[in-house]
Amino acid sequence: MTSVLFVVSEEGYWGEECVDPLETLSETEASVDVATPSGGKPVVDDRSIDPENVGEATAERVKEVHANDQRLQNPMPIATADADQYDAVVFPGGHGTEWDVNQDRHARQLLRETVEGDGGKALVLCHAVGLLAFTRDSDGGFLVDGRDVTGFPNEWEEGIVDDHDRMPDGRKLPYWVEDEVKAAGGNWDAELDADESVTVDGDLLTARGPESSHAGATALVEALGVTRTA
């Protein structure tokens, strides 16, 4: 059976970027597990469940899944996850990933082994694309070097942080995803004129942000060749 692992932030994942792919994959024959950096319950970004930001339907859908999905309630620590046991790994985004998932050496190892392995697929969304800027390949170079990617663009970040890179909750953003991924050699194109942005480069799939979550999940389903059961 096809198996998929979701690696979710404990510092604030963006609701739609986790819930839509999680439900999409759950509607196929694939089995789905969830991991977090420490094995604690993932934390949803409050802004991603605010109806004024995302709409009533999305807010309610995310809150229901976050509270009741047993996979999210009982995650494993990333360190215990074995890339060889999974056909795909999904990294949902959210600013919180900058403080935990993107800096986690076991997350980097999982991404590297998945992309470099035999047939594994990785879907990385939004701010989690920053993980690519810190992941080295087996030869010591950056995994993203020379790869085509999309992700959360600087133009959008400018509308969120203040002049000192402070988030609305007061935390200082440690880096901007677009800058770091470009510096690591990624061929960046967030396709700002398009409603959705999903880029497939071999076994690496990236999605720009919340509005691209479903398209990214659909691309992963197609890449895995799994059958929808619901």
C-alpha atoms as a PDB file:
ATOM      1  CA  MET A   1       0.000   0.000   0.000  1.00  0.00           C
ATOM      2  CA  THR A   2       1.139   3.533  -0.778  1.00  0.00           C
ATOM      3  CA  SER A   3       2.093   5.376   2.397  1.00  0.00           C
ATOM      4  CA  VAL A   4       2.422   9.131   2.975  1.00  0.00           C
ATOM      5  CA  LEU A   5       3.887  11.044   5.907  1.00  0.00           C
ATOM      6  CA  PHE A   6       2.860  14.591   6.826  1.00  0.00           C
ATOM      7  CA  VAL A   7       5.443  16.644   8.744  1.00  0.00           C
ATOM      8  CA  VAL A   8       3.543  19.378  10.587  1.00  0.00           C
ATOM      9  CA  SER A   9       4.736  22.365  12.612  1.00  0.00           C
ATOM     10  CA  GLU A  10       4.328  22.719  16.365  1.00  0.00           C
ATOM     11  CA  GLU A  11       4.957  26.462  16.023  1.00  0.00           C
ATOM     12  CA  GLY A  12       2.010  27.254  13.746  1.00  0.00           C
ATOM     13  CA  TYR A  13       0.997  25.472  10.548  1.00  0.00           C
ATOM     14  CA  TRP A  14      -1.336  27.152   8.063  1.00  0.00           C
ATOM     15  CA  GLY A  15      -4.626  25.280   8.323  1.00  0.00           C
ATOM     16  CA  GLU A  16      -5.630  24.877   4.692  1.00  0.00           C
ATOM     17  CA  GLU A  17      -2.119  23.855   3.639  1.00  0.00           C
ATOM     18  CA  CYS A  18      -2.274  20.845   5.927  1.00  0.00           C
ATOM     19  CA  VAL A  19      -5.968  19.969   5.990  1.00  0.00           C
ATOM     20  CA  ASP A  20      -6.676  20.060   2.256  1.00  0.00           C
ATOM     21  CA  PRO A  21      -3.765  17.762   1.284  1.00  0.00           C
ATOM     22  CA  LEU A  22      -4.452  15.564   4.331  1.00  0.00           C
ATOM     23  CA  GLU A  23      -8.077  15.056   3.342  1.00  0.00           C
ATOM     24  CA  THR A  24      -7.219  14.712  -0.357  1.00  0.00           C
ATOM     25  CA  LEU A  25      -4.706  11.928   0.316  1.00  0.00           C
ATOM     26  CA  SER A  26      -7.096  10.322   2.794  1.00  0.00           C
ATOM     27  CA  GLU A  27      -9.643  10.004  -0.006  1.00  0.00           C
ATOM     28  CA  THR A  28      -7.269   7.671  -1.851  1.00  0.00           C
ATOM     29  CA  GLU A  29      -6.007   4.183  -1.160  1.00  0.00           C
ATOM     30  CA  ALA A  30      -2.889   5.638   0.497  1.00  0.00           C
ATOM     31  CA  SER A  31      -2.285   5.346   4.222  1.00  0.00           C
ATOM     32  CA  VAL A  32      -1.352   8.585   6.001  1.00  0.00           C
ATOM     33  CA  ASP A  33       0.752   9.225   9.109  1.00  0.00           C
ATOM     34  CA  VAL A  34       1.644  12.496  10.841  1.00  0.00           C
ATOM     35  CA  ALA A  35       4.908  13.582  12.464  1.00  0.00           C
ATOM     36  CA  THR A  36       5.986  16.736  14.288  1.00  0.00           C
ATOM     37  CA  PRO A  37       9.473  17.795  15.373  1.00  0.00           C
ATOM     38  CA  SER A  38       9.117  16.632  18.988  1.00  0.00           C
ATOM     39  CA  GLY A  39       6.108  14.343  18.672  1.00  0.00           C
ATOM     40  CA  GLY A  40       3.851  16.912  20.332  1.00  0.00           C
ATOM     41  CA  LYS A  41       0.534  17.961  18.877  1.00  0.00           C
ATOM     42  CA  PRO A  42       0.824  20.346  15.937  1.00  0.00           C
ATOM     43  CA  VAL A  43      -0.306  23.926  16.479  1.00  0.00           C
ATOM     44  CA  VAL A  44      -2.523  25.700  13.976  1.00  0.00           C
ATOM     45  CA  ASP A  45      -1.826  29.344  13.132  1.00  0.00           C
ATOM     46  CA  ASP A  46      -4.708  31.364  14.571  1.00  0.00           C
ATOM     47  CA  ARG A  47      -4.786  33.551  11.496  1.00  0.00           C
ATOM     48  CA  SER A  48      -5.557  30.490   9.364  1.00  0.00           C
ATOM     49  CA  ILE A  49      -8.739  29.775  11.332  1.00  0.00           C
ATOM     50  CA  ASP A  50      -9.931  33.379  11.454  1.00  0.00           C
ATOM     51  CA  PRO A  51     -13.067  33.650   9.283  1.00  0.00           C
ATOM     52  CA  GLU A  52     -12.133  37.232   8.393  1.00  0.00           C
ATOM     53  CA  ASN A  53      -8.904  35.952   6.820  1.00  0.00           C
ATOM     54  CA  VAL A  54      -9.944  32.658   5.255  1.00  0.00           C
ATOM     55  CA  GLY A  55     -13.734  32.627   5.185  1.00  0.00           C
ATOM     56  CA  GLU A  56     -16.197  30.859   7.453  1.00  0.00           C
ATOM     57  CA  ALA A  57     -16.215  27.541   5.564  1.00  0.00           C
ATOM     58  CA  THR A  58     -12.431  27.119   5.537  1.00  0.00           C
ATOM     59  CA  ALA A  59     -12.088  28.206   9.157  1.00  0.00           C
ATOM     60  CA  GLU A  60     -14.685  25.698  10.350  1.00  0.00           C
ATOM     61  CA  ARG A  61     -13.288  22.891   8.209  1.00  0.00           C
ATOM     62  CA  VAL A  62      -9.760  23.405   9.541  1.00  0.00           C
ATOM     63  CA  LYS A  63     -10.871  23.675  13.167  1.00  0.00           C
ATOM     64  CA  GLU A  64     -12.890  20.465  12.902  1.00  0.00           C
ATOM     65  CA  VAL A  65     -10.056  18.451  11.374  1.00  0.00           C
ATOM     66  CA  HIS A  66      -7.433  19.938  13.701  1.00  0.00           C
ATOM     67  CA  ALA A  67      -9.463  18.995  16.761  1.00  0.00           C
ATOM     68  CA  ASN A  68     -10.701  15.575  15.688  1.00  0.00           C
ATOM     69  CA  ASP A  69      -8.299  13.908  13.271  1.00  0.00           C
ATOM     70  CA  GLN A  70      -6.544  11.281  15.385  1.00  0.00           C
ATOM     71  CA  ARG A  71      -3.439  11.400  13.219  1.00  0.00           C
ATOM     72  CA  LEU A  72      -2.981  15.055  14.119  1.00  0.00           C
ATOM     73  CA  GLN A  73      -3.776  14.309  17.743  1.00  0.00           C
ATOM     74  CA  ASN A  74      -1.172  11.548  18.000  1.00  0.00           C
ATOM     75  CA  PRO A  75       1.843  12.395  15.827  1.00  0.00           C
ATOM     76  CA  MET A  76       5.197  10.646  15.910  1.00  0.00           C
ATOM     77  CA  PRO A  77       8.502  12.472  16.394  1.00  0.00           C
ATOM     78  CA  ILE A  78      10.223  13.198  13.080  1.00  0.00           C
ATOM     79  CA  ALA A  79      13.337  11.439  14.363  1.00  0.00           C
ATOM     80  CA  THR A  80      11.487   8.110  14.436  1.00  0.00           C
ATOM     81  CA  ALA A  81      10.263   8.366  10.839  1.00  0.00           C
ATOM     82  CA  ASP A  82      12.031   6.240   8.241  1.00  0.00           C
ATOM     83  CA  ALA A  83      11.983   7.599   4.692  1.00  0.00           C
ATOM     84  CA  ASP A  84      12.189   4.048   3.337  1.00  0.00           C
ATOM     85  CA  GLN A  85       8.766   3.333   4.834  1.00  0.00           C
ATOM     86  CA  TYR A  86       7.023   6.101   2.889  1.00  0.00           C
ATOM     87  CA  ASP A  87       6.311   6.717  -0.766  1.00  0.00           C
ATOM     88  CA  ALA A  88       5.822  10.435  -0.174  1.00  0.00           C
ATOM     89  CA  VAL A  89       6.393  13.086   2.460  1.00  0.00           C
ATOM     90  CA  VAL A  90       4.291  16.254   2.685  1.00  0.00           C
ATOM     91  CA  PHE A  91       5.531  19.413   4.418  1.00  0.00           C
ATOM     92  CA  PRO A  92       2.604  21.820   5.000  1.00  0.00           C
ATOM     93  CA  GLY A  93       3.546  25.465   5.316  1.00  0.00           C
ATOM     94  CA  GLY A  94       2.834  28.297   7.696  1.00  0.00           C
ATOM     95  CA  HIS A  95       5.194  30.805   9.253  1.00  0.00           C
ATOM     96  CA  GLY A  96       5.689  28.415  12.173  1.00  0.00           C
ATOM     97  CA  THR A  97       7.776  26.106  10.018  1.00  0.00           C
ATOM     98  CA  GLU A  98      10.547  28.712  10.039  1.00  0.00           C
ATOM     99  CA  TRP A  99      11.074  28.088  13.751  1.00  0.00           C
ATOM    100  CA  ASP A 100      10.902  24.292  13.839  1.00  0.00           C
ATOM    101  CA  VAL A 101      10.447  22.042  10.768  1.00  0.00           C
ATOM    102  CA  ASN A 102      12.742  24.016   8.468  1.00  0.00           C
ATOM    103  CA  GLN A 103      15.488  24.000  11.108  1.00  0.00           C
ATOM    104  CA  ASP A 104      15.099  20.348  12.097  1.00  0.00           C
ATOM    105  CA  ARG A 105      17.954  18.076  11.003  1.00  0.00           C
ATOM    106  CA  HIS A 106      15.686  15.033  10.942  1.00  0.00           C
ATOM    107  CA  ALA A 107      13.251  16.874   8.664  1.00  0.00           C
ATOM    108  CA  ARG A 108      16.137  17.749   6.358  1.00  0.00           C
ATOM    109  CA  GLN A 109      17.293  14.138   6.367  1.00  0.00           C
ATOM    110  CA  LEU A 110      13.773  12.938   5.601  1.00  0.00           C
ATOM    111  CA  LEU A 111      13.469  15.339   2.684  1.00  0.00           C
ATOM    112  CA  ARG A 112      16.884  14.435   1.286  1.00  0.00           C
ATOM    113  CA  GLU A 113      16.354  10.691   1.522  1.00  0.00           C
ATOM    114  CA  THR A 114      12.886  10.961  -0.011  1.00  0.00           C
ATOM    115  CA  VAL A 115      13.944  13.036  -3.016  1.00  0.00           C
ATOM    116  CA  GLU A 116      17.199  11.145  -3.598  1.00  0.00           C
ATOM    117  CA  GLY A 117      15.651   7.737  -2.995  1.00  0.00           C
ATOM    118  CA  ASP A 118      14.088   5.345  -5.455  1.00  0.00           C
ATOM    119  CA  GLY A 119      10.725   6.784  -6.465  1.00  0.00           C
ATOM    120  CA  GLY A 120       9.934   8.813  -3.336  1.00  0.00           C
ATOM    121  CA  LYS A 121       8.005  12.066  -3.738  1.00  0.00           C
ATOM    122  CA  ALA A 122       8.057  15.209  -1.603  1.00  0.00           C
ATOM    123  CA  LEU A 123       5.396  17.926  -1.610  1.00  0.00           C
ATOM    124  CA  VAL A 124       6.566  21.112   0.111  1.00  0.00           C
ATOM    125  CA  LEU A 125       4.168  24.015   0.560  1.00  0.00           C
ATOM    126  CA  CYS A 126       4.480  27.745   1.160  1.00  0.00           C
ATOM    127  CA  HIS A 127       6.874  28.662   4.019  1.00  0.00           C
ATOM    128  CA  ALA A 128       7.968  25.039   4.378  1.00  0.00           C
ATOM    129  CA  VAL A 129       9.752  25.533   1.046  1.00  0.00           C
ATOM    130  CA  GLY A 130      12.346  27.280   3.208  1.00  0.00           C
ATOM    131  CA  LEU A 131      13.421  23.793   4.280  1.00  0.00           C
ATOM    132  CA  LEU A 132      15.035  23.464   0.850  1.00  0.00           C
ATOM    133  CA  ALA A 133      17.420  26.295   1.684  1.00  0.00           C
ATOM    134  CA  PHE A 134      18.912  24.299   4.556  1.00  0.00           C
ATOM    135  CA  THR A 135      18.880  20.760   3.145  1.00  0.00           C
ATOM    136  CA  ARG A 136      22.082  19.352   1.674  1.00  0.00           C
ATOM    137  CA  ASP A 137      22.244  16.516  -0.805  1.00  0.00           C
ATOM    138  CA  SER A 138      24.453  13.448  -0.345  1.00  0.00           C
ATOM    139  CA  ASP A 139      27.380  15.241  -1.982  1.00  0.00           C
ATOM    140  CA  GLY A 140      27.164  18.227   0.354  1.00  0.00           C
ATOM    141  CA  GLY A 141      25.559  20.661  -2.080  1.00  0.00           C
ATOM    142  CA  PHE A 142      22.151  22.231  -1.606  1.00  0.00           C
ATOM    143  CA  LEU A 143      19.330  19.899  -2.580  1.00  0.00           C
ATOM    144  CA  VAL A 144      17.484  22.763  -4.263  1.00  0.00           C
ATOM    145  CA  ASP A 145      20.447  23.905  -6.372  1.00  0.00           C
ATOM    146  CA  GLY A 146      19.349  23.975 -10.011  1.00  0.00           C
ATOM    147  CA  ARG A 147      15.798  22.833  -9.256  1.00  0.00           C
ATOM    148  CA  ASP A 148      12.653  24.679 -10.332  1.00  0.00           C
ATOM    149  CA  VAL A 149      10.563  25.673  -7.309  1.00  0.00           C
ATOM    150  CA  THR A 150       7.728  27.907  -6.164  1.00  0.00           C
ATOM    151  CA  GLY A 151       6.917  29.045  -2.647  1.00  0.00           C
ATOM    152  CA  PHE A 152       5.855  31.948  -0.452  1.00  0.00           C
ATOM    153  CA  PRO A 153       7.112  35.082  -2.231  1.00  0.00           C
ATOM    154  CA  ASN A 154       8.764  38.178  -0.806  1.00  0.00           C
ATOM    155  CA  GLU A 155       5.999  40.332  -2.277  1.00  0.00           C
ATOM    156  CA  TRP A 156       3.471  38.630   0.002  1.00  0.00           C
ATOM    157  CA  GLU A 157       5.780  38.665   3.026  1.00  0.00           C
ATOM    158  CA  GLU A 158       6.045  42.432   2.749  1.00  0.00           C
ATOM    159  CA  GLY A 159       2.333  42.684   3.495  1.00  0.00           C
ATOM    160  CA  ILE A 160       2.625  40.676   6.717  1.00  0.00           C
ATOM    161  CA  VAL A 161       5.761  41.702   8.617  1.00  0.00           C
ATOM    162  CA  ASP A 162       6.642  45.208   9.725  1.00  0.00           C
ATOM    163  CA  ASP A 163       9.814  47.137   8.909  1.00  0.00           C
ATOM    164  CA  HIS A 164      11.709  45.107  11.511  1.00  0.00           C
ATOM    165  CA  ASP A 165      10.455  41.749  10.169  1.00  0.00           C
ATOM    166  CA  ARG A 166       8.133  41.313  13.126  1.00  0.00           C
ATOM    167  CA  MET A 167       5.051  39.178  12.678  1.00  0.00           C
ATOM    168  CA  PRO A 168       1.589  40.351  13.818  1.00  0.00           C
ATOM    169  CA  ASP A 169       2.091  38.273  16.996  1.00  0.00           C
ATOM    170  CA  GLY A 170       5.372  40.074  17.715  1.00  0.00           C
ATOM    171  CA  ARG A 171       7.775  37.289  16.774  1.00  0.00           C
ATOM    172  CA  LYS A 172      10.629  38.292  14.499  1.00  0.00           C
ATOM    173  CA  LEU A 173      10.720  36.365  11.237  1.00  0.00           C
ATOM    174  CA  PRO A 174      14.191  34.772  11.058  1.00  0.00           C
ATOM    175  CA  TYR A 175      14.437  34.772   7.242  1.00  0.00           C
ATOM    176  CA  TRP A 176      12.438  35.230   4.054  1.00  0.00           C
ATOM    177  CA  VAL A 177      11.828  32.012   2.145  1.00  0.00           C
ATOM    178  CA  GLU A 178      12.358  33.388  -1.348  1.00  0.00           C
ATOM    179  CA  ASP A 179      15.701  34.967  -0.437  1.00  0.00           C
ATOM    180  CA  GLU A 180      17.104  31.820   1.166  1.00  0.00           C
ATOM    181  CA  VAL A 181      15.956  29.417  -1.540  1.00  0.00           C
ATOM    182  CA  LYS A 182      17.415  31.621  -4.265  1.00  0.00           C
ATOM    183  CA  ALA A 183      20.682  31.892  -2.338  1.00  0.00           C
ATOM    184  CA  ALA A 184      20.833  28.083  -2.218  1.00  0.00           C
ATOM    185  CA  GLY A 185      20.570  27.935  -6.006  1.00  0.00           C
ATOM    186  CA  GLY A 186      16.870  27.299  -6.525  1.00  0.00           C
ATOM    187  CA  ASN A 187      15.256  28.457  -9.767  1.00  0.00           C
ATOM    188  CA  TRP A 188      12.483  30.475  -8.144  1.00  0.00           C
ATOM    189  CA  ASP A 189       9.221  31.396  -9.860  1.00  0.00           C
ATOM    190  CA  ALA A 190       6.182  32.010  -7.658  1.00  0.00           C
ATOM    191  CA  GLU A 191       4.042  32.819 -10.725  1.00  0.00           C
ATOM    192  CA  LEU A 192       2.489  35.859  -9.076  1.00  0.00           C
ATOM    193  CA  ASP A 193       0.163  36.488 -12.014  1.00  0.00           C
ATOM    194  CA  ALA A 194      -1.422  33.026 -11.650  1.00  0.00           C
ATOM    195  CA  ASP A 195      -4.209  32.025  -9.246  1.00  0.00           C
ATOM    196  CA  GLU A 196      -2.303  28.859  -8.342  1.00  0.00           C
ATOM    197  CA  SER A 197       1.355  27.898  -8.475  1.00  0.00           C
ATOM    198  CA  VAL A 198       2.586  24.307  -8.326  1.00  0.00           C
ATOM    199  CA  THR A 199       5.981  23.280  -9.673  1.00  0.00           C
ATOM    200  CA  VAL A 200       7.096  19.716 -10.305  1.00  0.00           C
ATOM    201  CA  ASP A 201      10.828  19.059 -10.700  1.00  0.00           C
ATOM    202  CA  GLY A 202      11.428  15.326 -10.710  1.00  0.00           C
ATOM    203  CA  ASP A 203      10.446  13.906  -7.334  1.00  0.00           C
ATOM    204  CA  LEU A 204      10.171  17.367  -5.754  1.00  0.00           C
ATOM    205  CA  LEU A 205       6.820  19.145  -5.845  1.00  0.00           C
ATOM    206  CA  THR A 206       6.375  22.654  -4.442  1.00  0.00           C
ATOM    207  CA  ALA A 207       3.268  24.796  -3.974  1.00  0.00           C
ATOM    208  CA  ARG A 208       3.149  28.551  -3.439  1.00  0.00           C
ATOM    209  CA  GLY A 209       0.566  29.030  -0.678  1.00  0.00           C
ATOM    210  CA  PRO A 210      -2.919  28.238   0.645  1.00  0.00           C
ATOM    211  CA  GLU A 211      -4.696  28.753  -2.667  1.00  0.00           C
ATOM    212  CA  SER A 212      -2.360  26.177  -4.243  1.00  0.00           C
ATOM    213  CA  SER A 213      -2.841  23.538  -1.539  1.00  0.00           C
ATOM    214  CA  HIS A 214      -5.428  21.502  -3.389  1.00  0.00           C
ATOM    215  CA  ALA A 215      -3.585  21.701  -6.704  1.00  0.00           C
ATOM    216  CA  GLY A 216      -0.399  20.566  -4.965  1.00  0.00           C
ATOM    217  CA  ALA A 217      -2.176  17.642  -3.339  1.00  0.00           C
ATOM    218  CA  THR A 218      -3.767  16.677  -6.654  1.00  0.00           C
ATOM    219  CA  ALA A 219      -0.366  16.767  -8.353  1.00  0.00           C
ATOM    220  CA  LEU A 220       1.012  14.467  -5.657  1.00  0.00           C
ATOM    221  CA  VAL A 221      -1.904  12.033  -6.061  1.00  0.00           C
ATOM    222  CA  GLU A 222      -1.204  11.923  -9.792  1.00  0.00           C
ATOM    223  CA  ALA A 223       2.547  11.484  -9.258  1.00  0.00           C
ATOM    224  CA  LEU A 224       1.941   8.593  -6.871  1.00  0.00           C
ATOM    225  CA  GLY A 225      -0.628   6.996  -9.155  1.00  0.00           C
ATOM    226  CA  VAL A 226      -2.975   6.229  -6.264  1.00  0.00           C
ATOM    227  CA  THR A 227      -6.667   5.570  -6.781  1.00  0.00           C
ATOM    228  CA  ARG A 228      -9.309   7.780  -5.241  1.00  0.00           C
ATOM    229  CA  THR A 229     -11.689   5.810  -3.035  1.00  0.00           C
ATOM    230  CA  ALA A 230     -13.997   8.646  -1.947  1.00  0.00           C
END
